[in-house]
Every structure is written in structure tokens, then in C-alpha cells.
């Protein structure tokens, strides 16, 4: 039997169905081990600085929402 996971929160067909909407997820907590404290942490493509902290060589940041993709840029 075929089981389909519907993450679109709307009706979809079991056969030949397509999903034209991917619901965003978040917020997401990320952690990276870094050699030194960053000067800035950005979220691309939405732009703007992320809420972040750095302690004991670990960068902790919160990405508010991810649609399809995004990039965390650490300066």
C-alpha cells in the first residue's frame, strides 16, 4: 500500500498529485562550534540580523522561519 505524508495542510491527490505550497517551519535553534566570536550573524534571503549568542566557543542562533531554503551567514 502507498502512504503519502501531506505536509501542505490542504487536500492532495494520492495519485499524480503535486504540492505547490511548502509550509514554513520554525523557529529553529542552531548551534555551531567556532574558534572565535562572530561579529554578525545574518539570515539570507529574508535579510536582517539573527538573534544570537556566543559562549564557550559555541554560536547559538534562532532562525525565525524557513520556507524552502535559506542561508545563515556568519561574519
C-alpha atoms as a PDB file:
ATOM      1  CA  UNK A   1       0.000   0.000   0.000  1.00  0.00           C
ATOM      2  CA  UNK A   2       1.108   3.565  -0.691  1.00  0.00           C
ATOM      3  CA  UNK A   3       1.291   6.066   2.179  1.00  0.00           C
ATOM      4  CA  UNK A   4       1.703   9.756   1.438  1.00  0.00           C
ATOM      5  CA  UNK A   5       2.693  12.332   4.032  1.00  0.00           C
ATOM      6  CA  UNK A   6       0.708  15.518   3.468  1.00  0.00           C
ATOM      7  CA  UNK A   7       2.731  18.480   4.848  1.00  0.00           C
ATOM      8  CA  UNK A   8       0.839  21.060   2.797  1.00  0.00           C
ATOM      9  CA  UNK A   9      -2.120  21.204   5.239  1.00  0.00           C
ATOM     10  CA  UNK A  10      -4.566  21.012   2.343  1.00  0.00           C
ATOM     11  CA  UNK A  11      -6.157  18.187   0.349  1.00  0.00           C
ATOM     12  CA  UNK A  12      -3.868  16.471  -2.147  1.00  0.00           C
ATOM     13  CA  UNK A  13      -4.391  13.627  -4.576  1.00  0.00           C
ATOM     14  CA  UNK A  14      -2.937  10.191  -3.818  1.00  0.00           C
ATOM     15  CA  UNK A  15      -2.085   9.700  -7.488  1.00  0.00           C
ATOM     16  CA  UNK A  16      -0.288  12.191  -9.697  1.00  0.00           C
ATOM     17  CA  UNK A  17      -0.637  14.851  -7.057  1.00  0.00           C
ATOM     18  CA  UNK A  18       1.634  17.828  -6.787  1.00  0.00           C
ATOM     19  CA  UNK A  19       2.156  20.173  -3.904  1.00  0.00           C
ATOM     20  CA  UNK A  20       2.574  23.799  -4.929  1.00  0.00           C
ATOM     21  CA  UNK A  21       2.961  25.105  -1.383  1.00  0.00           C
ATOM     22  CA  UNK A  22       5.520  24.189   1.252  1.00  0.00           C
ATOM     23  CA  UNK A  23       4.554  25.482   4.676  1.00  0.00           C
ATOM     24  CA  UNK A  24       7.306  27.304   6.550  1.00  0.00           C
ATOM     25  CA  UNK A  25       8.788  25.769   9.698  1.00  0.00           C
ATOM     26  CA  UNK A  26      10.339  27.474  12.665  1.00  0.00           C
ATOM     27  CA  UNK A  27      11.625  28.881  14.775  1.00  0.00           C
ATOM     28  CA  UNK A  28      14.771  26.727  14.557  1.00  0.00           C
ATOM     29  CA  UNK A  29      17.631  26.768  17.041  1.00  0.00           C
ATOM     30  CA  UNK A  30      21.088  26.202  15.555  1.00  0.00           C
ATOM     31  CA  UNK A  31      24.449  25.720  17.270  1.00  0.00           C
ATOM     32  CA  UNK A  32      27.942  25.824  15.762  1.00  0.00           C
ATOM     33  CA  UNK A  33      31.324  25.389  17.380  1.00  0.00           C
ATOM     34  CA  UNK A  34      33.503  28.343  16.305  1.00  0.00           C
ATOM     35  CA  UNK A  35      37.083  29.356  17.025  1.00  0.00           C
ATOM     36  CA  UNK A  36      36.183  32.992  17.762  1.00  0.00           C
ATOM     37  CA  UNK A  37      33.143  35.142  18.485  1.00  0.00           C
ATOM     38  CA  UNK A  38      31.326  36.296  15.327  1.00  0.00           C
ATOM     39  CA  UNK A  39      30.822  39.980  14.607  1.00  0.00           C
ATOM     40  CA  UNK A  40      27.481  39.449  12.875  1.00  0.00           C
ATOM     41  CA  UNK A  41      25.066  36.618  12.053  1.00  0.00           C
ATOM     42  CA  UNK A  42      22.596  37.124   9.175  1.00  0.00           C
ATOM     43  CA  UNK A  43      19.691  35.193   7.666  1.00  0.00           C
ATOM     44  CA  UNK A  44      19.515  35.222   3.850  1.00  0.00           C
ATOM     45  CA  UNK A  45      17.263  35.620   1.766  1.00  0.00           C
ATOM     46  CA  UNK A  46      14.950  37.392   4.249  1.00  0.00           C
ATOM     47  CA  UNK A  47      17.763  39.664   5.360  1.00  0.00           C
ATOM     48  CA  UNK A  48      18.488  41.099   8.716  1.00  0.00           C
ATOM     49  CA  UNK A  49      20.480  40.019  11.718  1.00  0.00           C
ATOM     50  CA  UNK A  50      19.532  36.921  13.660  1.00  0.00           C
ATOM     51  CA  UNK A  51      19.104  36.771  17.405  1.00  0.00           C
ATOM     52  CA  UNK A  52      22.292  35.015  18.556  1.00  0.00           C
ATOM     53  CA  UNK A  53      24.719  34.462  21.408  1.00  0.00           C
ATOM     54  CA  UNK A  54      28.232  33.071  21.741  1.00  0.00           C
ATOM     55  CA  UNK A  55      29.637  31.299  24.801  1.00  0.00           C
ATOM     56  CA  UNK A  56      32.407  28.741  25.374  1.00  0.00           C
ATOM     57  CA  UNK A  57      33.148  28.552  21.634  1.00  0.00           C
ATOM     58  CA  UNK A  58      29.509  27.831  20.663  1.00  0.00           C
ATOM     59  CA  UNK A  59      27.398  30.109  18.481  1.00  0.00           C
ATOM     60  CA  UNK A  60      23.678  29.725  19.243  1.00  0.00           C
ATOM     61  CA  UNK A  61      21.226  31.398  16.875  1.00  0.00           C
ATOM     62  CA  UNK A  62      17.498  31.372  16.231  1.00  0.00           C
ATOM     63  CA  UNK A  63      16.189  31.240  12.667  1.00  0.00           C
ATOM     64  CA  UNK A  64      12.622  32.579  12.923  1.00  0.00           C
ATOM     65  CA  UNK A  65      11.181  30.776   9.894  1.00  0.00           C
ATOM     66  CA  UNK A  66      12.345  28.684   6.917  1.00  0.00           C
ATOM     67  CA  UNK A  67      10.247  28.376   3.780  1.00  0.00           C
ATOM     68  CA  UNK A  68      12.044  26.356   1.110  1.00  0.00           C
ATOM     69  CA  UNK A  69      15.644  27.274   1.904  1.00  0.00           C
ATOM     70  CA  UNK A  70      17.840  29.889   3.500  1.00  0.00           C
ATOM     71  CA  UNK A  71      21.431  30.598   4.486  1.00  0.00           C
ATOM     72  CA  UNK A  72      22.957  31.601   7.806  1.00  0.00           C
ATOM     73  CA  UNK A  73      25.915  33.917   7.136  1.00  0.00           C
ATOM     74  CA  UNK A  74      28.465  34.289   9.930  1.00  0.00           C
ATOM     75  CA  UNK A  75      30.882  37.244   9.772  1.00  0.00           C
END
